[in-house]
C-alpha atoms as a PDB file:
ATOM      1  CA  MET A   1      -1.685   8.688 -16.819  1.00  0.00           C
ATOM      2  CA  SER A   2      -0.678   6.980 -13.561  1.00  0.00           C
ATOM      3  CA  GLU A   3       1.933   9.051 -11.458  1.00  0.00           C
ATOM      4  CA  ALA A   4       3.165  10.042  -7.904  1.00  0.00           C
ATOM      5  CA  ARG A   5       3.607  13.846  -7.052  1.00  0.00           C
ATOM      6  CA  TRP A   6       5.564  14.812  -3.805  1.00  0.00           C
ATOM      7  CA  ASN A   7       3.872  17.199  -1.409  1.00  0.00           C
ATOM      8  CA  PRO A   8       6.782  18.836   0.285  1.00  0.00           C
ATOM      9  CA  ILE A   9       4.641  20.888   2.768  1.00  0.00           C
ATOM     10  CA  LEU A  10       2.962  17.612   4.337  1.00  0.00           C
ATOM     11  CA  GLN A  11       5.918  15.299   3.093  1.00  0.00           C
ATOM     12  CA  GLN A  12       3.294  12.948   1.498  1.00  0.00           C
ATOM     13  CA  TRP A  13       3.169  11.442  -2.031  1.00  0.00           C
ATOM     14  CA  VAL A  14      -0.084  12.088  -4.038  1.00  0.00           C
ATOM     15  CA  VAL A  15      -1.092   9.802  -6.869  1.00  0.00           C
ATOM     16  CA  THR A  16      -2.558  11.281  -9.928  1.00  0.00           C
ATOM     17  CA  ALA A  17      -4.415   8.435 -12.075  1.00  0.00           C
ATOM     18  CA  THR A  18      -6.549  10.503 -14.586  1.00  0.00           C
ATOM     19  CA  HIS A  19      -7.643   7.006 -16.371  1.00  0.00           C
ATOM     20  CA  ARG A  20      -9.774   6.321 -13.246  1.00  0.00           C
ATOM     21  CA  GLN A  21     -12.369   9.000 -14.434  1.00  0.00           C
ATOM     22  CA  GLU A  22     -13.612   6.344 -16.875  1.00  0.00           C
ATOM     23  CA  ARG A  23     -14.131   3.589 -14.613  1.00  0.00           C
ATOM     24  CA  THR A  24     -17.438   1.568 -14.139  1.00  0.00           C
ATOM     25  CA  TYR A  25     -20.090   3.896 -12.274  1.00  0.00           C
ATOM     26  CA  LYS A  26     -23.305   2.005 -11.235  1.00  0.00           C
ATOM     27  CA  PRO A  27     -23.763  -0.320 -13.805  1.00  0.00           C
ATOM     28  CA  PRO A  28     -27.377  -1.353 -15.024  1.00  0.00           C
ATOM     29  CA  ARG A  29     -29.177  -3.757 -12.527  1.00  0.00           C
ATOM     30  CA  ASP A  30     -29.098  -6.602 -14.875  1.00  0.00           C
ATOM     31  CA  PHE A  31     -25.475  -6.368 -15.405  1.00  0.00           C
ATOM     32  CA  CYS A  32     -22.565  -6.793 -12.724  1.00  0.00           C
ATOM     33  CA  PRO A  33     -19.212  -7.058 -14.128  1.00  0.00           C
ATOM     34  CA  PHE A  34     -18.216  -8.932 -11.024  1.00  0.00           C
ATOM     35  CA  CYS A  35     -20.917 -11.626 -10.965  1.00  0.00           C
ATOM     36  CA  PRO A  36     -20.189 -14.939 -12.947  1.00  0.00           C
ATOM     37  CA  THR A  37     -20.274 -15.048 -16.941  1.00  0.00           C
ATOM     38  CA  GLN A  38     -23.769 -16.395 -17.596  1.00  0.00           C
ATOM     39  CA  ASP A  39     -23.828 -15.379 -21.296  1.00  0.00           C
ATOM     40  CA  VAL A  40     -20.796 -15.667 -23.207  1.00  0.00           C
ATOM     41  CA  SER A  41     -21.905 -12.663 -25.630  1.00  0.00           C
ATOM     42  CA  PHE A  42     -21.901 -10.676 -22.329  1.00  0.00           C
ATOM     43  CA  PRO A  43     -18.789 -11.771 -20.621  1.00  0.00           C
ATOM     44  CA  THR A  44     -18.115 -10.143 -17.072  1.00  0.00           C
ATOM     45  CA  GLU A  45     -14.702  -9.835 -15.220  1.00  0.00           C
ATOM     46  CA  VAL A  46     -14.911 -13.598 -14.242  1.00  0.00           C
ATOM     47  CA  PRO A  47     -15.339 -16.181 -17.330  1.00  0.00           C
ATOM     48  CA  ALA A  48     -16.952 -18.847 -15.076  1.00  0.00           C
ATOM     49  CA  SER A  49     -20.278 -19.827 -14.065  1.00  0.00           C
ATOM     50  CA  GLY A  50     -19.595 -19.686 -10.391  1.00  0.00           C
ATOM     51  CA  TYR A  51     -16.779 -19.067  -7.932  1.00  0.00           C
ATOM     52  CA  GLU A  52     -15.975 -19.043  -4.215  1.00  0.00           C
ATOM     53  CA  ILE A  53     -13.457 -16.220  -4.033  1.00  0.00           C
ATOM     54  CA  VAL A  54     -11.820 -14.546  -7.248  1.00  0.00           C
ATOM     55  CA  VAL A  55      -8.806 -11.956  -7.390  1.00  0.00           C
ATOM     56  CA  PHE A  56      -7.764 -10.182 -10.480  1.00  0.00           C
ATOM     57  CA  GLU A  57      -5.898  -6.798 -11.428  1.00  0.00           C
ATOM     58  CA  ASN A  58      -7.853  -3.625 -11.084  1.00  0.00           C
ATOM     59  CA  LYS A  59      -8.763  -2.337 -14.627  1.00  0.00           C
ATOM     60  CA  PHE A  60      -8.694   1.064 -13.378  1.00  0.00           C
ATOM     61  CA  PRO A  61      -5.516   0.989 -11.128  1.00  0.00           C
ATOM     62  CA  SER A  62      -4.173   3.829  -9.144  1.00  0.00           C
ATOM     63  CA  PHE A  63      -0.830   2.150  -9.367  1.00  0.00           C
ATOM     64  CA  GLN A  64       0.480   0.108 -12.175  1.00  0.00           C
ATOM     65  CA  SER A  65       3.521  -2.478 -12.448  1.00  0.00           C
ATOM     66  CA  ALA A  66       4.706  -0.812 -15.696  1.00  0.00           C
ATOM     67  CA  PRO A  67       3.378   2.784 -15.657  1.00  0.00           C
ATOM     68  CA  PRO A  68       4.022   5.292 -18.051  1.00  0.00           C
ATOM     69  CA  GLU A  69       6.560   8.130 -17.622  1.00  0.00           C
ATOM     70  CA  PRO A  70       5.126  11.165 -15.862  1.00  0.00           C
ATOM     71  CA  ALA A  71       3.408  14.011 -17.505  1.00  0.00           C
ATOM     72  CA  VAL A  72       5.525  16.499 -16.131  1.00  0.00           C
ATOM     73  CA  LYS A  73       9.065  17.176 -14.992  1.00  0.00           C
ATOM     74  CA  GLY A  74       9.699  17.680 -11.300  1.00  0.00           C
ATOM     75  CA  THR A  75      11.831  19.756  -9.387  1.00  0.00           C
ATOM     76  CA  ASP A  76      14.096  19.456  -6.387  1.00  0.00           C
ATOM     77  CA  ILE A  77      11.091  20.553  -4.313  1.00  0.00           C
ATOM     78  CA  MET A  78       8.181  19.330  -6.197  1.00  0.00           C
ATOM     79  CA  ARG A  79       9.443  15.827  -7.330  1.00  0.00           C
ATOM     80  CA  VAL A  80       7.631  13.375  -9.532  1.00  0.00           C
ATOM     81  CA  ARG A  81       7.830   9.566 -10.032  1.00  0.00           C
ATOM     82  CA  PRO A  82       5.995   7.014 -11.919  1.00  0.00           C
ATOM     83  CA  ALA A  83       3.251   5.332  -9.692  1.00  0.00           C
ATOM     84  CA  GLN A  84       4.650   1.867  -9.670  1.00  0.00           C
ATOM     85  CA  GLY A  85       2.530  -0.727  -7.900  1.00  0.00           C
ATOM     86  CA  VAL A  86      -0.163  -3.291  -8.153  1.00  0.00           C
ATOM     87  CA  CYS A  87      -3.947  -2.862  -7.577  1.00  0.00           C
ATOM     88  CA  GLU A  88      -6.028  -5.876  -7.151  1.00  0.00           C
ATOM     89  CA  VAL A  89      -9.831  -6.759  -6.668  1.00  0.00           C
ATOM     90  CA  VAL A  90     -10.989  -9.484  -4.256  1.00  0.00           C
ATOM     91  CA  LEU A  91     -14.372 -10.709  -5.046  1.00  0.00           C
ATOM     92  CA  TYR A  92     -15.656 -12.327  -1.944  1.00  0.00           C
ATOM     93  CA  THR A  93     -18.373 -14.394  -3.325  1.00  0.00           C
ATOM     94  CA  ASP A  94     -20.530 -15.118  -6.547  1.00  0.00           C
ATOM     95  CA  LYS A  95     -23.668 -13.939  -4.683  1.00  0.00           C
ATOM     96  CA  HIS A  96     -24.305 -10.493  -5.638  1.00  0.00           C
ATOM     97  CA  HIS A  97     -27.115  -9.852  -3.202  1.00  0.00           C
ATOM     98  CA  THR A  98     -24.924 -10.409  -0.126  1.00  0.00           C
ATOM     99  CA  THR A  99     -22.202  -8.700   2.083  1.00  0.00           C
ATOM    100  CA  PHE A 100     -19.350  -9.589   3.935  1.00  0.00           C
ATOM    101  CA  ALA A 101     -21.604 -10.057   7.107  1.00  0.00           C
ATOM    102  CA  ASP A 102     -23.515 -12.880   5.168  1.00  0.00           C
ATOM    103  CA  LEU A 103     -20.554 -14.983   4.505  1.00  0.00           C
ATOM    104  CA  ASP A 104     -20.078 -18.209   6.910  1.00  0.00           C
ATOM    105  CA  ILE A 105     -17.091 -18.594   9.092  1.00  0.00           C
ATOM    106  CA  ARG A 106     -15.356 -21.283   6.762  1.00  0.00           C
ATOM    107  CA  HIS A 107     -15.635 -18.809   3.890  1.00  0.00           C
ATOM    108  CA  ILE A 108     -14.042 -15.801   5.739  1.00  0.00           C
ATOM    109  CA  THR A 109     -11.511 -18.125   7.014  1.00  0.00           C
ATOM    110  CA  ASN A 110     -10.504 -19.073   3.390  1.00  0.00           C
ATOM    111  CA  LEU A 111     -10.691 -15.135   2.558  1.00  0.00           C
ATOM    112  CA  ILE A 112      -8.286 -14.593   5.135  1.00  0.00           C
ATOM    113  CA  LYS A 113      -6.004 -17.251   3.540  1.00  0.00           C
ATOM    114  CA  VAL A 114      -6.234 -15.367   0.243  1.00  0.00           C
ATOM    115  CA  TRP A 115      -5.339 -12.226   1.771  1.00  0.00           C
ATOM    116  CA  GLN A 116      -2.244 -13.910   3.307  1.00  0.00           C
ATOM    117  CA  ASP A 117      -1.582 -15.086  -0.191  1.00  0.00           C
ATOM    118  CA  ARG A 118      -1.712 -11.661  -1.814  1.00  0.00           C
ATOM    119  CA  TYR A 119       0.329 -10.101   1.178  1.00  0.00           C
ATOM    120  CA  LEU A 120       3.164 -12.630   0.583  1.00  0.00           C
ATOM    121  CA  GLU A 121       2.902 -12.389  -3.287  1.00  0.00           C
ATOM    122  CA  LEU A 122       2.850  -8.856  -3.829  1.00  0.00           C
ATOM    123  CA  GLY A 123       5.003  -7.981  -0.868  1.00  0.00           C
ATOM    124  CA  SER A 124       7.749 -10.068  -2.525  1.00  0.00           C
ATOM    125  CA  LEU A 125       7.925  -7.754  -5.552  1.00  0.00           C
ATOM    126  CA  ASP A 126      11.168  -5.698  -5.165  1.00  0.00           C
ATOM    127  CA  TYR A 127       9.345  -2.392  -5.874  1.00  0.00           C
ATOM    128  CA  ILE A 128       6.635  -2.839  -2.961  1.00  0.00           C
ATOM    129  CA  ASP A 129       6.945  -1.474   0.542  1.00  0.00           C
ATOM    130  CA  TYR A 130       3.381  -1.893   1.558  1.00  0.00           C
ATOM    131  CA  VAL A 131       0.414  -4.037   0.959  1.00  0.00           C
ATOM    132  CA  LEU A 132      -2.839  -2.220   1.867  1.00  0.00           C
ATOM    133  CA  ILE A 133      -5.750  -4.520   1.944  1.00  0.00           C
ATOM    134  CA  PHE A 134      -9.238  -2.777   2.587  1.00  0.00           C
ATOM    135  CA  GLU A 135     -12.897  -2.535   1.806  1.00  0.00           C
ATOM    136  CA  ASN A 136     -15.271   0.258   0.698  1.00  0.00           C
ATOM    137  CA  LYS A 137     -18.903  -0.711   1.280  1.00  0.00           C
ATOM    138  CA  GLY A 138     -21.926   1.169   0.975  1.00  0.00           C
ATOM    139  CA  ASP A 139     -23.093   4.261  -1.275  1.00  0.00           C
ATOM    140  CA  ALA A 140     -22.404   6.677   1.736  1.00  0.00           C
ATOM    141  CA  VAL A 141     -18.887   6.031   1.240  1.00  0.00           C
ATOM    142  CA  GLY A 142     -18.625   6.439  -2.566  1.00  0.00           C
ATOM    143  CA  VAL A 143     -18.963   2.494  -3.661  1.00  0.00           C
ATOM    144  CA  THR A 144     -20.341   2.387  -7.186  1.00  0.00           C
ATOM    145  CA  LEU A 145     -20.185  -1.341  -7.549  1.00  0.00           C
ATOM    146  CA  HIS A 146     -22.203  -3.357  -4.857  1.00  0.00           C
ATOM    147  CA  HIS A 147     -21.129  -6.861  -5.424  1.00  0.00           C
ATOM    148  CA  PRO A 148     -19.444  -7.675  -2.222  1.00  0.00           C
ATOM    149  CA  HIS A 149     -15.761  -7.102  -2.842  1.00  0.00           C
ATOM    150  CA  GLY A 150     -12.573  -5.613  -1.233  1.00  0.00           C
ATOM    151  CA  GLN A 151      -9.522  -4.185  -2.834  1.00  0.00           C
ATOM    152  CA  ILE A 152      -5.569  -4.618  -2.453  1.00  0.00           C
ATOM    153  CA  TYR A 153      -3.296  -1.762  -2.992  1.00  0.00           C
ATOM    154  CA  ALA A 154       0.352  -2.711  -3.420  1.00  0.00           C
ATOM    155  CA  PHE A 155       2.399   0.679  -2.526  1.00  0.00           C
ATOM    156  CA  PRO A 156       5.817   1.525  -3.704  1.00  0.00           C
ATOM    157  CA  PHE A 157       6.171   3.564  -0.607  1.00  0.00           C
ATOM    158  CA  ILE A 158       4.709   3.233   2.937  1.00  0.00           C
ATOM    159  CA  PRO A 159       1.279   5.387   3.197  1.00  0.00           C
ATOM    160  CA  PRO A 160       1.386   8.145   5.625  1.00  0.00           C
ATOM    161  CA  ILE A 161      -1.106   6.724   8.184  1.00  0.00           C
ATOM    162  CA  ALA A 162       0.727   3.654   8.418  1.00  0.00           C
ATOM    163  CA  ALA A 163       4.211   5.297   8.444  1.00  0.00           C
ATOM    164  CA  LYS A 164       2.950   7.437  11.521  1.00  0.00           C
ATOM    165  CA  GLU A 165       1.701   4.591  13.387  1.00  0.00           C
ATOM    166  CA  LEU A 166       4.811   2.821  12.789  1.00  0.00           C
ATOM    167  CA  GLU A 167       7.099   5.717  13.841  1.00  0.00           C
ATOM    168  CA  SER A 168       4.697   6.010  17.090  1.00  0.00           C
ATOM    169  CA  ALA A 169       5.176   2.193  17.784  1.00  0.00           C
ATOM    170  CA  ASN A 170       8.864   2.214  17.256  1.00  0.00           C
ATOM    171  CA  GLU A 171       9.393   5.340  19.620  1.00  0.00           C
ATOM    172  CA  TYR A 172       7.457   3.826  22.302  1.00  0.00           C
ATOM    173  CA  LYS A 173       9.431   0.418  22.110  1.00  0.00           C
ATOM    174  CA  LYS A 174      12.757   2.429  22.199  1.00  0.00           C
ATOM    175  CA  THR A 175      11.641   4.292  25.277  1.00  0.00           C
ATOM    176  CA  THR A 176       9.667   1.518  27.276  1.00  0.00           C
ATOM    177  CA  GLY A 177      10.724  -1.736  25.612  1.00  0.00           C
ATOM    178  CA  LYS A 178       7.265  -2.753  24.936  1.00  0.00           C
ATOM    179  CA  CYS A 179       4.672  -2.664  22.296  1.00  0.00           C
ATOM    180  CA  LEU A 180       2.343   0.366  22.128  1.00  0.00           C
ATOM    181  CA  PHE A 181      -0.400  -1.670  20.710  1.00  0.00           C
ATOM    182  CA  CYS A 182      -0.350  -4.395  23.378  1.00  0.00           C
ATOM    183  CA  ASP A 183      -0.372  -1.714  26.121  1.00  0.00           C
ATOM    184  CA  VAL A 184      -3.282   0.114  24.467  1.00  0.00           C
ATOM    185  CA  LEU A 185      -4.910  -3.116  24.140  1.00  0.00           C
ATOM    186  CA  LYS A 186      -4.298  -3.978  27.712  1.00  0.00           C
ATOM    187  CA  GLN A 187      -5.644  -0.713  29.272  1.00  0.00           C
ATOM    188  CA  GLU A 188      -8.598  -1.264  26.874  1.00  0.00           C
ATOM    189  CA  LEU A 189      -9.536  -4.755  28.295  1.00  0.00           C
ATOM    190  CA  ASP A 190      -8.861  -3.466  31.994  1.00  0.00           C
ATOM    191  CA  ASP A 191     -11.309  -0.602  31.645  1.00  0.00           C
ATOM    192  CA  GLY A 192     -13.909  -2.762  29.781  1.00  0.00           C
ATOM    193  CA  ARG A 193     -16.242  -0.243  28.769  1.00  0.00           C
ATOM    194  CA  ARG A 194     -15.452   0.177  25.176  1.00  0.00           C
ATOM    195  CA  VAL A 195     -14.946  -3.483  24.451  1.00  0.00           C
ATOM    196  CA  ILE A 196     -17.487  -4.447  22.257  1.00  0.00           C
ATOM    197  CA  ALA A 197     -16.668  -8.320  21.427  1.00  0.00           C
ATOM    198  CA  GLU A 198     -13.771 -10.665  22.164  1.00  0.00           C
ATOM    199  CA  ASN A 199     -12.721 -14.376  21.715  1.00  0.00           C
ATOM    200  CA  PRO A 200      -9.320 -16.125  22.433  1.00  0.00           C
ATOM    201  CA  GLY A 201      -7.326 -14.505  19.626  1.00  0.00           C
ATOM    202  CA  PHE A 202      -8.858 -10.910  19.175  1.00  0.00           C
ATOM    203  CA  VAL A 203     -10.463  -8.245  20.636  1.00  0.00           C
ATOM    204  CA  ALA A 204     -12.890  -5.415  19.002  1.00  0.00           C
ATOM    205  CA  VAL A 205     -13.341  -2.129  20.587  1.00  0.00           C
ATOM    206  CA  VAL A 206     -14.543   1.379  20.061  1.00  0.00           C
ATOM    207  CA  PRO A 207     -11.255   3.044  20.838  1.00  0.00           C
ATOM    208  CA  PHE A 208     -10.862   5.493  23.444  1.00  0.00           C
ATOM    209  CA  TYR A 209      -9.799   7.749  20.881  1.00  0.00           C
ATOM    210  CA  ALA A 210     -12.335   6.980  18.207  1.00  0.00           C
ATOM    211  CA  ARG A 211     -12.722   9.822  15.682  1.00  0.00           C
ATOM    212  CA  TYR A 212     -15.930   8.235  14.136  1.00  0.00           C
ATOM    213  CA  PRO A 213     -18.886   7.390  16.490  1.00  0.00           C
ATOM    214  CA  TYR A 214     -18.958   3.807  15.685  1.00  0.00           C
ATOM    215  CA  GLU A 215     -15.329   3.237  14.665  1.00  0.00           C
ATOM    216  CA  VAL A 216     -14.250  -0.083  15.783  1.00  0.00           C
ATOM    217  CA  HIS A 217     -10.737  -1.720  16.017  1.00  0.00           C
ATOM    218  CA  VAL A 218      -9.991  -5.385  15.874  1.00  0.00           C
ATOM    219  CA  THR A 219      -6.613  -6.259  17.383  1.00  0.00           C
ATOM    220  CA  SER A 220      -4.782  -9.520  17.880  1.00  0.00           C
ATOM    221  CA  ARG A 221      -4.307 -10.346  21.587  1.00  0.00           C
ATOM    222  CA  SER A 222      -1.093 -11.813  20.812  1.00  0.00           C
ATOM    223  CA  HIS A 223       1.620  -9.713  19.110  1.00  0.00           C
ATOM    224  CA  LYS A 224       1.466 -10.531  15.490  1.00  0.00           C
ATOM    225  CA  SER A 225       2.978  -8.157  13.059  1.00  0.00           C
ATOM    226  CA  SER A 226       1.157  -9.391   9.913  1.00  0.00           C
ATOM    227  CA  LEU A 227      -1.604 -11.663   8.673  1.00  0.00           C
ATOM    228  CA  THR A 228       1.181 -14.224   7.812  1.00  0.00           C
ATOM    229  CA  HIS A 229       1.929 -14.800  11.366  1.00  0.00           C
ATOM    230  CA  LEU A 230      -1.767 -15.876  12.324  1.00  0.00           C
ATOM    231  CA  GLU A 231      -1.823 -19.754  13.469  1.00  0.00           C
ATOM    232  CA  ARG A 232      -4.766 -21.787  12.233  1.00  0.00           C
ATOM    233  CA  ASP A 233      -7.013 -21.156  15.138  1.00  0.00           C
ATOM    234  CA  GLU A 234      -6.339 -17.577  15.082  1.00  0.00           C
ATOM    235  CA  LYS A 235      -7.362 -17.266  11.180  1.00  0.00           C
ATOM    236  CA  ARG A 236     -10.614 -18.815  12.395  1.00  0.00           C
ATOM    237  CA  TRP A 237     -10.841 -16.443  15.643  1.00  0.00           C
ATOM    238  CA  LEU A 238     -10.069 -13.615  13.302  1.00  0.00           C
ATOM    239  CA  ALA A 239     -13.011 -14.687  10.895  1.00  0.00           C
ATOM    240  CA  GLU A 240     -15.697 -15.140  13.690  1.00  0.00           C
ATOM    241  CA  ILE A 241     -14.905 -11.603  15.136  1.00  0.00           C
ATOM    242  CA  LEU A 242     -15.090  -9.867  11.998  1.00  0.00           C
ATOM    243  CA  LYS A 243     -18.550 -11.635  11.314  1.00  0.00           C
ATOM    244  CA  THR A 244     -19.556 -10.595  14.784  1.00  0.00           C
ATOM    245  CA  VAL A 245     -18.578  -6.838  14.135  1.00  0.00           C
ATOM    246  CA  THR A 246     -20.090  -6.568  10.608  1.00  0.00           C
ATOM    247  CA  CYS A 247     -23.384  -8.558  11.970  1.00  0.00           C
ATOM    248  CA  GLY A 248     -23.639  -6.027  14.878  1.00  0.00           C
ATOM    249  CA  TYR A 249     -23.204  -3.201  12.531  1.00  0.00           C
ATOM    250  CA  ASP A 250     -26.055  -4.113  10.364  1.00  0.00           C
ATOM    251  CA  TYR A 251     -28.281  -4.842  13.437  1.00  0.00           C
ATOM    252  CA  LEU A 252     -27.328  -1.516  14.814  1.00  0.00           C
ATOM    253  CA  PHE A 253     -29.811   0.778  13.055  1.00  0.00           C
ATOM    254  CA  GLY A 254     -31.454  -2.009  10.948  1.00  0.00           C
ATOM    255  CA  PHE A 255     -30.042  -1.572   7.641  1.00  0.00           C
ATOM    256  CA  SER A 256     -26.796  -2.723   5.775  1.00  0.00           C
ATOM    257  CA  PHE A 257     -24.143  -0.545   7.546  1.00  0.00           C
ATOM    258  CA  PRO A 258     -21.573   1.183   5.126  1.00  0.00           C
ATOM    259  CA  TYR A 259     -17.981   1.426   6.232  1.00  0.00           C
ATOM    260  CA  VAL A 260     -14.504   1.764   5.287  1.00  0.00           C
ATOM    261  CA  MET A 261     -12.266  -1.496   6.650  1.00  0.00           C
ATOM    262  CA  ILE A 262      -8.523  -0.963   6.762  1.00  0.00           C
ATOM    263  CA  MET A 263      -5.966  -3.716   7.427  1.00  0.00           C
ATOM    264  CA  HIS A 264      -2.800  -2.324   9.297  1.00  0.00           C
ATOM    265  CA  GLN A 265       0.090  -4.662   9.283  1.00  0.00           C
ATOM    266  CA  ALA A 266       3.901  -4.567   8.761  1.00  0.00           C
ATOM    267  CA  PRO A 267       5.357  -3.373   5.525  1.00  0.00           C
ATOM    268  CA  THR A 268       6.896  -5.583   3.167  1.00  0.00           C
ATOM    269  CA  GLU A 269      10.374  -4.268   3.186  1.00  0.00           C
ATOM    270  CA  LYS A 270      12.735  -6.733   4.499  1.00  0.00           C
ATOM    271  CA  ILE A 271      13.812  -4.883   7.684  1.00  0.00           C
ATOM    272  CA  ASP A 272      12.729  -5.441  11.520  1.00  0.00           C
ATOM    273  CA  TRP A 273       9.288  -4.313  11.802  1.00  0.00           C
ATOM    274  CA  SER A 274       8.692  -6.081  15.303  1.00  0.00           C
ATOM    275  CA  HIS A 275       7.143  -2.951  16.779  1.00  0.00           C
ATOM    276  CA  CYS A 276       4.238  -3.230  14.214  1.00  0.00           C
ATOM    277  CA  HIS A 277       1.046  -5.124  15.793  1.00  0.00           C
ATOM    278  CA  PHE A 278      -1.568  -6.509  13.505  1.00  0.00           C
ATOM    279  CA  HIS A 279      -5.195  -4.915  13.685  1.00  0.00           C
ATOM    280  CA  ILE A 280      -8.000  -3.825  11.477  1.00  0.00           C
ATOM    281  CA  GLU A 281      -9.813  -0.706  11.474  1.00  0.00           C
ATOM    282  CA  PHE A 282     -13.401   0.219  10.665  1.00  0.00           C
ATOM    283  CA  TYR A 283     -14.497   3.718   9.912  1.00  0.00           C
ATOM    284  CA  PRO A 284     -18.520   3.580   9.513  1.00  0.00           C
ATOM    285  CA  PRO A 285     -19.992   7.117   8.146  1.00  0.00           C
ATOM    286  CA  TYR A 286     -23.242   7.099  10.092  1.00  0.00           C
ATOM    287  CA  ARG A 287     -23.349   8.921  13.540  1.00  0.00           C
ATOM    288  CA  THR A 288     -27.324   8.128  13.978  1.00  0.00           C
ATOM    289  CA  ALA A 289     -29.546   6.175  11.814  1.00  0.00           C
ATOM    290  CA  THR A 290     -30.240   9.137   9.502  1.00  0.00           C
ATOM    291  CA  LYS A 291     -27.397  11.215  10.027  1.00  0.00           C
ATOM    292  CA  LEU A 292     -23.815  11.036   8.286  1.00  0.00           C
ATOM    293  CA  LYS A 293     -20.475  12.212   9.675  1.00  0.00           C
ATOM    294  CA  TYR A 294     -19.168  14.327   7.323  1.00  0.00           C
ATOM    295  CA  LEU A 295     -15.604  15.674   7.192  1.00  0.00           C
ATOM    296  CA  GLY A 296     -15.956  19.362   7.760  1.00  0.00           C
ATOM    297  CA  GLY A 297     -13.101  22.085   7.856  1.00  0.00           C
ATOM    298  CA  CYS A 298     -11.723  20.974  11.320  1.00  0.00           C
ATOM    299  CA  GLU A 299     -11.224  17.356  10.107  1.00  0.00           C
ATOM    300  CA  SER A 300     -10.359  17.941   6.222  1.00  0.00           C
ATOM    301  CA  GLY A 301      -8.508  21.115   6.589  1.00  0.00           C
ATOM    302  CA  GLY A 302      -6.935  21.066  10.293  1.00  0.00           C
ATOM    303  CA  GLY A 303      -6.625  17.283  10.720  1.00  0.00           C
ATOM    304  CA  THR A 304      -8.445  17.190  13.912  1.00  0.00           C
ATOM    305  CA  PHE A 305     -11.481  14.938  14.254  1.00  0.00           C
ATOM    306  CA  ILE A 306     -14.489  16.048  15.902  1.00  0.00           C
ATOM    307  CA  ASN A 307     -16.334  12.970  17.464  1.00  0.00           C
ATOM    308  CA  ASP A 308     -20.172  13.878  18.119  1.00  0.00           C
ATOM    309  CA  THR A 309     -20.511  11.009  20.690  1.00  0.00           C
ATOM    310  CA  LEU A 310     -18.923   9.285  23.897  1.00  0.00           C
ATOM    311  CA  PRO A 311     -17.052   5.952  22.648  1.00  0.00           C
ATOM    312  CA  GLU A 312     -18.178   4.567  26.089  1.00  0.00           C
ATOM    313  CA  GLU A 313     -21.696   5.033  24.914  1.00  0.00           C
ATOM    314  CA  THR A 314     -21.410   4.100  21.385  1.00  0.00           C
ATOM    315  CA  ALA A 315     -19.593   0.767  22.340  1.00  0.00           C
ATOM    316  CA  ALA A 316     -22.681   0.113  24.771  1.00  0.00           C
ATOM    317  CA  LYS A 317     -24.951   0.487  21.829  1.00  0.00           C
ATOM    318  CA  LEU A 318     -22.655  -1.814  19.463  1.00  0.00           C
ATOM    319  CA  ARG A 319     -22.530  -4.467  22.408  1.00  0.00           C
ATOM    320  CA  ALA A 320     -26.405  -4.471  22.327  1.00  0.00           C
ATOM    321  CA  ALA A 321     -26.666  -4.727  18.647  1.00  0.00           C
ATOM    322  CA  ILE A 322     -24.100  -7.448  18.816  1.00  0.00           C
ATOM    323  CA  SER A 323     -26.218  -9.551  21.440  1.00  0.00           C
ATOM    324  CA  GLY A 324     -29.281  -8.866  19.149  1.00  0.00           C
ATOM    325  CA  ALA A 325     -27.826 -10.130  15.890  1.00  0.00           C
ATOM    326  CA  VAL A 326     -26.622 -13.073  17.711  1.00  0.00           C
ATOM    327  CA  SER A 327     -29.992 -13.639  19.209  1.00  0.00           C
ATOM    328  CA  GLN A 328     -31.565 -13.178  15.987  1.00  0.00           C
ATOM    329  CA  ALA A 329     -29.486 -15.719  14.003  1.00  0.00           C
ATOM    330  CA  SER A 330     -29.780 -18.371  16.844  1.00  0.00           C
ATOM    331  CA  GLN A 331     -33.483 -18.032  16.403  1.00  0.00           C
ATOM    332  CA  GLY A 332     -33.107 -18.256  12.733  1.00  0.00           C
ATOM    333  CA  ALA A 333     -31.057 -21.660  12.996  1.00  0.00           C
ATOM    334  CA  GLU A 334     -33.731 -23.298  15.087  1.00  0.00           C
END
């Protein structure tokens, strides 16, 4: 079953996908469904002996291109609709014991090109309004398959966080004539204390309003509304800064750092989204090397995050970690 039910109180869609209860949960160590097939009698999701990057439809999708009819009949207040959409898995590499941070710049640049392709193709479907590209990494965020991979959800509506961002940006543009994200980025650069990495195309900061202690936002310097507007050099600069951030995360506490990475870009509905500004957000669950940031009553029930740290202080620690990671990589290359 895959359906969308309307919450009239929060004015949000909630997706019901009961078949996902049967999805793969921590498979045996000697069999990974995302590794290349080595024995045809035990095929994986990839019928090849090796690969660079692979994309395929999720076997346990939250959205389906041809969804079944809803299990219940809705009302005027509590509406229901088929959860029509597409869910894809993106395998970053055929090397099982690696992470995004281990990929080289050329490989990440190619991955960005794959993301661009999927954004365009899925966004061209007449029932898709938003293409959400993301990665869940690590046990702490609930990952059950540890082969390096991300996912793409093509939504039949604009998800609520993206919708709120777009509403705020549109209101700001109407009032000031300027881009909200461009102005926020300028203030972050002018202040400097929360900037952890930058290059000619992108800036990474622990935002002034960080909800998670080591939350990082990567924002394009020039005003771009989606991945598809990135020039050749910008794709490489994006690859470089994403590798810098993820390597810094891993160096911070000396272990592979879990996170949720979310790409924020323009919806695919064919209207004016010029107020949208492309950026990527990282939400890591750790607040210290041994303590997790859990979402308690204030966050889950009230919707207000409580950050146990100061963004200026965590940014300084991340800058130091990035410096250490760069030094370590340089020594390893010698």
